[in-house]
Amino acid sequence: MNQQTDRPRQGATLFSPLDVGELRLRNRIVMAPLTRNRAGPGFVPRDLNVEYYRQRASAGLIISEATQIAPEGLGYPDTPGIYTDEQVAGWRRVTDAVHAEGGQMVLQLWHVGRISHPSLQPHQQLPVAPSAIKPAGQAATYEGLQDFVTPRALAADELPRIRDQYREAARKARAAGFDGVEVHNANGYLLDQFLRDGPNRRTDVYGGSLENRMRFPLQVLEAVLEAWPAGRVGIRLSPSGTMNDMQDSDPKATFTAMVEALKPYGLAYIHIMEPLEADIRHGGPQIPIGYFRSFYRGILMVNGEYDGPKAQTVVASGDADLVSFGRLFLANPDLPARLRDGRPLNTPDPRTFYGGGAEGYTDYPTWGGRSADPRS
């Protein structure tokens, strides 16, 4: 098990190497999973994606953008998949490029559940969920934003098929050359929907009590562990998250129980999202990473609008072992070097976050005498 109770935590820096399960990371700066909507036809990674990830290989670890495990898992236009041979081959080109630069990369496994739309689903079918509860908000589709629909509640005898899809996707991630996988159990997507009692109103063994609501996420994790050793598997949780109309009657109790339940698996890491400004604005609970450190001694990764100084502080305190950066890594392909040397940072351009081509994707400059901001 990867509890590491005898390892001193305080006093580390962002640039200290770290053993994370079976992975040896050269620094503690992680590229967070970032949906960019730039996969090619067939949801296959293409040349543009290869270059994007290659540029950011100096991260201690890259977590890929969320990647759907099956056609039914799709929730947004042009996000990559990991269920066809063509997708595996596309991702293999990405991992080969990252490895050639000395980097390491894991694939985030994703099923969006109710956060989809019939226009994105095979045969225009309804999205699936633990319960038939329509989320507030709108889906991003090829025809623009459209209201979410009421999803179809999954029957209990359908869940083994979805577990099998996670297992097969995890196996395909191995074939694609990844160094591990991260199970996406956050941000209001399918596994998070099962875990929280707002979207999960089931009355069978997958709903009601905390034990029951954790059952399917843990079964999925166990399926993934049939394809990968625990030391190469992480999981992402968003205890304070309100994204995608997520609600829970007692989130602190829910996520305390979930993290406690994860202890016996000896995972490489648990990736915790701290409350964002939007979560606080929407009444989400403020559960800091230090709370989870108080009872979990394995590797903790934190995400949540961190800059360099704040990240250094949380690592030095021992509350987190790793910090994942989203927008800063999006705009700064050489982020570790910039943080190490105290260099100015490029400014992210929100206009180019989702969809498009090279602009705002592979054209952010590294430090080297040019303007630090590509728009100036």
Protein backbone atom coordinates (compact mmCIF):
# COMPACT_ATOMS: atom_id res chain seq x y z
CA MET A 1 0.00 0.00 0.00
CA ASN A 2 1.10 3.54 -0.77
CA GLN A 3 0.39 5.16 2.58
CA GLN A 4 4.03 6.26 3.18
CA THR A 5 3.43 7.10 6.82
CA ASP A 6 7.19 7.15 7.51
CA ARG A 7 8.11 9.72 4.84
CA PRO A 8 8.69 13.31 6.01
CA ARG A 9 6.41 15.68 4.12
CA GLN A 10 7.21 19.17 5.34
CA GLY A 11 9.92 21.24 3.67
CA ALA A 12 9.58 19.84 0.16
CA THR A 13 9.61 22.15 -2.85
CA LEU A 14 7.78 22.07 -6.16
CA PHE A 15 11.04 20.89 -7.70
CA SER A 16 11.73 18.00 -5.33
CA PRO A 17 11.47 14.59 -7.03
CA LEU A 18 8.81 12.25 -5.71
CA ASP A 19 7.89 8.59 -5.93
CA VAL A 20 4.19 8.38 -6.78
CA GLY A 21 3.24 4.74 -6.66
CA GLU A 22 5.35 3.10 -9.36
CA LEU A 23 6.17 6.45 -10.99
CA ARG A 24 9.24 8.54 -10.23
CA LEU A 25 8.39 12.19 -10.87
CA ARG A 26 11.14 14.73 -11.49
CA ASN A 27 9.07 17.56 -10.01
CA ARG A 28 5.71 18.05 -8.29
CA ILE A 29 4.19 20.27 -10.99
CA VAL A 30 1.39 18.37 -12.73
CA MET A 31 -0.48 19.34 -15.87
CA ALA A 32 -4.16 19.09 -14.93
CA PRO A 33 -6.68 17.44 -17.27
CA LEU A 34 -7.95 20.16 -19.60
CA THR A 35 -10.81 19.70 -22.06
CA ARG A 36 -9.81 21.53 -25.26
CA ASN A 37 -12.21 20.08 -27.90
CA ARG A 38 -9.60 19.59 -30.59
CA ALA A 39 -9.65 15.87 -31.40
CA GLY A 40 -9.83 14.87 -35.05
CA PRO A 41 -12.49 12.86 -36.91
CA GLY A 42 -13.54 9.75 -35.04
CA PHE A 43 -12.50 11.48 -31.77
CA VAL A 44 -8.91 10.51 -32.61
CA PRO A 45 -5.93 12.55 -31.34
CA ARG A 46 -4.15 14.25 -34.25
CA ASP A 47 -0.90 16.08 -35.04
CA LEU A 48 -2.04 19.20 -33.21
CA ASN A 49 -2.64 17.22 -30.01
CA VAL A 50 0.76 15.52 -30.31
CA GLU A 51 2.50 18.89 -30.41
CA TYR A 52 0.42 20.35 -27.58
CA TYR A 53 1.33 17.61 -25.13
CA ARG A 54 4.93 17.36 -26.33
CA GLN A 55 5.41 21.05 -25.52
CA ARG A 56 4.34 20.46 -21.91
CA ALA A 57 6.39 17.31 -21.21
CA SER A 58 8.53 19.06 -18.57
CA ALA A 59 5.69 18.57 -16.09
CA GLY A 60 6.41 16.01 -13.41
CA LEU A 61 3.27 14.32 -14.73
CA ILE A 62 0.76 15.11 -17.47
CA ILE A 63 -2.85 14.07 -16.92
CA SER A 64 -4.57 13.88 -20.28
CA GLU A 65 -7.75 15.72 -21.05
CA ALA A 66 -10.82 13.75 -20.02
CA THR A 67 -11.28 10.93 -22.53
CA GLN A 68 -14.56 9.11 -23.05
CA ILE A 69 -14.51 5.35 -22.50
CA ALA A 70 -17.36 4.63 -24.93
CA PRO A 71 -19.58 6.46 -27.45
CA GLU A 72 -22.26 6.86 -24.76
CA GLY A 73 -19.76 8.65 -22.54
CA LEU A 74 -19.46 11.62 -24.90
CA GLY A 75 -20.62 14.98 -23.56
CA TYR A 76 -18.91 17.63 -25.67
CA PRO A 77 -17.89 18.10 -29.31
CA ASP A 78 -14.47 16.86 -30.44
CA THR A 79 -13.23 15.31 -27.21
CA PRO A 80 -10.98 12.26 -27.66
CA GLY A 81 -11.98 8.67 -27.01
CA ILE A 82 -10.18 5.50 -25.97
CA TYR A 83 -12.46 2.78 -27.34
CA THR A 84 -11.29 2.27 -30.95
CA ASP A 85 -8.01 1.07 -32.44
CA GLU A 86 -7.67 4.38 -34.28
CA GLN A 87 -7.96 6.31 -31.03
CA VAL A 88 -5.35 4.05 -29.43
CA ALA A 89 -2.98 4.71 -32.34
CA GLY A 90 -3.58 8.45 -32.08
CA TRP A 91 -2.86 8.47 -28.37
CA ARG A 92 0.24 6.33 -28.93
CA ARG A 93 1.72 9.12 -31.03
CA VAL A 94 1.05 11.52 -28.14
CA THR A 95 2.65 9.34 -25.48
CA ASP A 96 5.64 8.57 -27.70
CA ALA A 97 6.23 12.32 -28.14
CA VAL A 98 5.93 12.98 -24.39
CA HIS A 99 8.27 10.11 -23.56
CA ALA A 100 10.80 11.31 -26.13
CA GLU A 101 10.98 14.56 -24.14
CA GLY A 102 11.48 12.68 -20.86
CA GLY A 103 7.92 13.19 -19.64
CA GLN A 104 5.30 10.91 -18.13
CA MET A 105 1.57 10.87 -18.84
CA VAL A 106 -1.58 9.20 -17.54
CA LEU A 107 -4.97 9.02 -19.25
CA GLN A 108 -8.09 10.32 -17.52
CA LEU A 109 -11.01 7.89 -17.99
CA TRP A 110 -14.37 9.64 -18.45
CA HIS A 111 -18.07 8.99 -18.79
CA VAL A 112 -20.20 12.13 -18.56
CA GLY A 113 -23.49 10.42 -17.66
CA ARG A 114 -26.36 12.91 -17.70
CA ILE A 115 -24.14 15.83 -18.79
CA SER A 116 -24.74 15.12 -22.47
CA HIS A 117 -27.46 15.61 -25.07
CA PRO A 118 -29.27 13.26 -27.46
CA SER A 119 -27.58 14.98 -30.42
CA LEU A 120 -24.23 13.73 -29.07
CA GLN A 121 -25.41 10.20 -28.32
CA PRO A 122 -25.53 7.12 -30.56
CA HIS A 123 -28.92 6.92 -32.33
CA GLN A 124 -29.99 10.18 -30.62
CA GLN A 125 -30.68 8.24 -27.43
CA LEU A 126 -31.10 9.81 -24.01
CA PRO A 127 -28.00 10.23 -21.84
CA VAL A 128 -27.84 7.85 -18.87
CA ALA A 129 -27.56 8.57 -15.16
CA PRO A 130 -28.15 6.92 -11.78
CA SER A 131 -31.59 8.58 -11.63
CA ALA A 132 -33.87 10.35 -14.10
CA ILE A 133 -33.16 13.86 -12.78
CA LYS A 134 -32.61 16.67 -15.25
CA PRO A 135 -29.64 18.87 -14.40
CA ALA A 136 -29.92 22.61 -14.58
CA GLY A 137 -27.95 24.22 -17.36
CA GLN A 138 -27.11 23.60 -20.98
CA ALA A 139 -25.14 21.07 -22.99
CA ALA A 140 -22.46 22.11 -25.46
CA THR A 141 -23.43 20.51 -28.79
CA TYR A 142 -22.42 20.84 -32.44
CA GLU A 143 -25.50 23.05 -32.86
CA GLY A 144 -24.57 25.31 -29.95
CA LEU A 145 -25.84 25.36 -26.37
CA GLN A 146 -29.01 23.35 -25.76
CA ASP A 147 -30.90 22.68 -22.56
CA PHE A 148 -30.01 19.49 -20.75
CA VAL A 149 -32.64 16.77 -21.00
CA THR A 150 -33.98 14.37 -18.40
CA PRO A 151 -31.64 11.38 -18.57
CA ARG A 152 -32.61 7.73 -18.56
CA ALA A 153 -32.00 5.98 -15.24
CA LEU A 154 -29.66 3.03 -15.62
CA ALA A 155 -31.02 -0.37 -14.63
CA ALA A 156 -28.82 -2.31 -12.23
CA ASP A 157 -28.18 -5.00 -14.81
CA GLU A 158 -26.68 -2.38 -17.16
CA LEU A 159 -23.91 -1.40 -14.76
CA PRO A 160 -21.65 -4.42 -15.45
CA ARG A 161 -21.49 -3.33 -19.10
CA ILE A 162 -20.26 0.13 -18.08
CA ARG A 163 -17.72 -1.40 -15.68
CA ASP A 164 -16.50 -3.51 -18.59
CA GLN A 165 -16.14 -0.38 -20.70
CA TYR A 166 -13.94 1.21 -18.05
CA ARG A 167 -11.83 -1.95 -17.84
CA GLU A 168 -11.42 -2.16 -21.60
CA ALA A 169 -10.60 1.55 -21.85
CA ALA A 170 -7.95 1.09 -19.16
CA ARG A 171 -6.45 -1.78 -21.15
CA LYS A 172 -6.44 0.33 -24.28
CA ALA A 173 -4.62 3.06 -22.35
CA ARG A 174 -1.83 0.54 -21.75
CA ALA A 175 -1.71 -0.27 -25.45
CA ALA A 176 -1.54 3.47 -26.16
CA GLY A 177 1.64 3.78 -24.11
CA PHE A 178 0.36 5.69 -21.10
CA ASP A 179 2.19 5.42 -17.78
CA GLY A 180 -1.06 4.99 -15.86
CA VAL A 181 -4.67 6.14 -15.67
CA GLU A 182 -6.80 8.49 -13.59
CA VAL A 183 -10.43 7.63 -12.88
CA HIS A 184 -12.56 10.75 -13.29
CA ASN A 185 -14.88 10.72 -10.26
CA ALA A 186 -15.41 14.49 -10.16
CA ASN A 187 -17.12 17.54 -11.65
CA GLY A 188 -20.63 16.13 -11.86
CA TYR A 189 -19.96 13.33 -14.33
CA LEU A 190 -21.25 9.75 -14.12
CA LEU A 191 -19.29 8.38 -11.15
CA ASP A 192 -19.74 11.62 -9.21
CA GLN A 193 -23.47 11.39 -9.98
CA PHE A 194 -23.61 7.98 -8.32
CA LEU A 195 -21.63 9.17 -5.30
CA ARG A 196 -23.73 12.21 -4.35
CA ASP A 197 -27.29 12.05 -3.09
CA GLY A 198 -28.48 15.06 -5.12
CA PRO A 199 -28.43 13.28 -8.51
CA ASN A 200 -28.65 9.76 -7.05
CA ARG A 201 -32.15 8.94 -5.75
CA ARG A 202 -31.97 5.21 -6.34
CA THR A 203 -33.63 2.77 -3.95
CA ASP A 204 -31.56 -0.31 -4.89
CA VAL A 205 -28.08 -1.30 -3.69
CA TYR A 206 -26.57 1.63 -5.66
CA GLY A 207 -28.47 4.38 -3.85
CA GLY A 208 -29.55 5.60 -0.45
CA SER A 209 -26.80 4.97 2.07
CA LEU A 210 -23.23 6.20 1.66
CA GLU A 211 -22.08 2.60 1.33
CA ASN A 212 -24.53 2.05 -1.51
CA ARG A 213 -23.68 5.29 -3.31
CA MET A 214 -19.97 4.46 -3.21
CA ARG A 215 -20.61 0.97 -4.58
CA PHE A 216 -20.53 1.70 -8.32
CA PRO A 217 -17.53 4.09 -8.27
CA LEU A 218 -15.57 1.52 -6.28
CA GLN A 219 -16.63 -1.29 -8.60
CA VAL A 220 -15.38 0.78 -11.54
CA LEU A 221 -12.10 1.38 -9.74
CA GLU A 222 -11.73 -2.35 -9.13
CA ALA A 223 -12.35 -3.02 -12.82
CA VAL A 224 -9.61 -0.55 -13.75
CA LEU A 225 -7.28 -2.24 -11.27
CA GLU A 226 -7.68 -5.45 -13.23
CA ALA A 227 -5.88 -3.67 -16.08
CA TRP A 228 -3.31 -1.63 -14.13
CA PRO A 229 -1.39 -2.06 -10.87
CA ALA A 230 -2.60 0.25 -8.10
CA GLY A 231 0.70 2.13 -8.19
CA ARG A 232 -0.22 3.46 -11.64
CA VAL A 233 -3.84 4.41 -10.92
CA GLY A 234 -5.14 7.68 -9.49
CA ILE A 235 -8.63 9.05 -8.90
CA ARG A 236 -10.01 12.59 -9.05
CA LEU A 237 -12.61 13.90 -6.58
CA SER A 238 -14.30 17.30 -6.25
CA PRO A 239 -15.66 17.48 -2.68
CA SER A 240 -16.51 21.18 -2.89
CA GLY A 241 -17.67 21.13 -6.49
CA THR A 242 -20.98 22.48 -7.74
CA MET A 243 -20.20 22.12 -11.45
CA ASN A 244 -22.93 20.52 -13.56
CA ASP A 245 -25.62 21.16 -10.95
CA MET A 246 -24.07 18.89 -8.33
CA GLN A 247 -25.60 18.75 -4.87
CA ASP A 248 -25.15 16.64 -1.78
CA SER A 249 -26.86 16.85 1.61
CA ASP A 250 -23.59 16.32 3.52
CA PRO A 251 -20.58 16.58 1.21
CA LYS A 252 -18.04 16.47 4.02
CA ALA A 253 -19.40 13.14 5.23
CA THR A 254 -19.70 11.82 1.68
CA PHE A 255 -16.12 12.57 0.71
CA THR A 256 -14.67 11.60 4.06
CA ALA A 257 -16.24 8.18 3.58
CA MET A 258 -15.03 7.99 -0.01
CA VAL A 259 -11.42 8.80 0.84
CA GLU A 260 -11.51 6.35 3.75
CA ALA A 261 -12.85 3.69 1.37
CA LEU A 262 -9.97 4.34 -1.03
CA LYS A 263 -7.25 3.69 1.57
CA PRO A 264 -7.10 -0.11 1.17
CA TYR A 265 -6.52 0.13 -2.59
CA GLY A 266 -3.08 1.73 -2.23
CA LEU A 267 -3.54 4.02 -5.23
CA ALA A 268 -0.74 6.07 -6.72
CA TYR A 269 -2.55 9.25 -5.70
CA ILE A 270 -5.86 10.93 -4.91
CA HIS A 271 -6.44 14.14 -6.85
CA ILE A 272 -8.55 16.59 -4.82
CA MET A 273 -10.15 19.69 -6.30
CA GLU A 274 -10.43 22.49 -3.75
CA PRO A 275 -13.35 24.95 -3.96
CA LEU A 276 -13.16 27.36 -6.88
CA GLU A 277 -14.63 30.85 -6.81
CA ALA A 278 -17.62 29.57 -8.77
CA ASP A 279 -18.21 26.78 -6.22
CA ILE A 280 -18.18 29.24 -3.34
CA ARG A 281 -20.50 31.58 -5.24
CA HIS A 282 -22.96 28.72 -5.72
CA GLY A 283 -22.89 27.72 -2.06
CA GLY A 284 -20.47 24.82 -2.28
CA PRO A 285 -18.74 23.66 0.90
CA GLN A 286 -15.21 24.89 1.51
CA ILE A 287 -13.25 21.71 2.25
CA PRO A 288 -9.50 22.39 2.02
CA ILE A 289 -6.83 19.85 1.17
CA GLY A 290 -5.53 19.97 4.75
CA TYR A 291 -8.72 18.31 5.95
CA PHE A 292 -8.00 15.21 3.87
CA ARG A 293 -4.34 15.18 4.88
CA SER A 294 -5.49 14.92 8.49
CA PHE A 295 -6.56 11.31 7.90
CA TYR A 296 -5.03 10.24 4.56
CA ARG A 297 -1.30 9.60 4.44
CA GLY A 298 -0.99 8.49 0.84
CA ILE A 299 -0.05 10.80 -2.02
CA LEU A 300 -2.41 13.78 -2.34
CA MET A 301 -2.55 16.00 -5.39
CA VAL A 302 -4.39 19.32 -5.13
CA ASN A 303 -5.99 21.52 -7.79
CA GLY A 304 -7.74 24.83 -7.33
CA GLU A 305 -6.61 28.11 -8.88
CA TYR A 306 -3.05 27.76 -7.58
CA ASP A 307 -0.22 30.05 -8.59
CA GLY A 308 3.47 29.32 -7.99
CA PRO A 309 3.83 30.80 -4.48
CA LYS A 310 0.59 29.26 -3.23
CA ALA A 311 1.61 25.90 -4.69
CA GLN A 312 5.01 26.07 -3.02
CA THR A 313 3.36 26.84 0.31
CA VAL A 314 0.96 23.88 0.20
CA VAL A 315 3.73 21.45 -0.78
CA ALA A 316 6.14 22.79 1.85
CA SER A 317 3.44 22.45 4.52
CA GLY A 318 2.94 18.80 3.69
CA ASP A 319 -0.79 19.20 3.10
CA ALA A 320 -0.30 18.19 -0.55
CA ASP A 321 2.46 16.30 -2.33
CA LEU A 322 1.64 17.49 -5.84
CA VAL A 323 -0.12 20.49 -7.39
CA SER A 324 -1.93 20.29 -10.72
CA PHE A 325 -2.13 23.46 -12.81
CA GLY A 326 -4.80 24.02 -15.43
CA ARG A 327 -4.95 27.44 -17.08
CA LEU A 328 -1.35 28.31 -16.19
CA PHE A 329 -0.13 25.16 -17.97
CA LEU A 330 -2.48 25.81 -20.87
CA ALA A 331 -0.78 29.18 -21.48
CA ASN A 332 2.76 28.31 -20.42
CA PRO A 333 4.16 25.17 -22.02
CA ASP A 334 7.39 25.63 -20.04
CA LEU A 335 5.62 26.28 -16.74
CA PRO A 336 8.06 24.37 -14.48
CA ALA A 337 11.04 26.39 -15.77
CA ARG A 338 9.15 29.66 -15.45
CA LEU A 339 8.15 28.90 -11.85
CA ARG A 340 11.68 27.79 -10.99
CA ASP A 341 13.29 30.91 -12.46
CA GLY A 342 10.62 33.42 -11.44
CA ARG A 343 9.85 34.34 -15.05
CA PRO A 344 6.71 36.21 -16.13
CA LEU A 345 3.80 34.06 -17.22
CA ASN A 346 1.79 34.16 -20.44
CA THR A 347 -1.84 35.21 -19.95
CA PRO A 348 -4.43 32.54 -20.87
CA ASP A 349 -6.83 33.55 -23.64
CA PRO A 350 -10.36 32.31 -22.78
CA ARG A 351 -11.53 32.84 -26.37
CA THR A 352 -9.45 29.85 -27.47
CA PHE A 353 -10.02 27.46 -24.56
CA TYR A 354 -12.56 25.24 -26.32
CA GLY A 355 -12.27 24.22 -29.96
CA GLY A 356 -10.34 25.72 -32.82
CA GLY A 357 -6.83 25.11 -34.10
CA ALA A 358 -3.31 26.12 -33.12
CA GLU A 359 -4.25 29.58 -31.85
CA GLY A 360 -4.34 29.51 -28.08
CA TYR A 361 -3.27 25.87 -28.15
CA THR A 362 0.22 25.31 -29.49
CA ASP A 363 1.27 28.91 -30.19
CA TYR A 364 1.91 30.11 -26.61
CA PRO A 365 5.65 30.91 -26.51
CA THR A 366 8.23 29.48 -24.19
CA TRP A 367 10.53 31.91 -22.41
CA GLY A 368 13.26 33.07 -24.76
CA GLY A 369 13.34 36.79 -25.33
CA ARG A 370 9.95 37.15 -26.98
CA SER A 371 6.96 38.81 -25.37
CA ALA A 372 5.59 36.73 -22.52
CA ASP A 373 2.07 37.37 -23.80
CA PRO A 374 1.27 36.04 -27.31
CA ARG A 375 -1.40 38.74 -27.78
CA SER A 376 0.87 41.73 -27.13
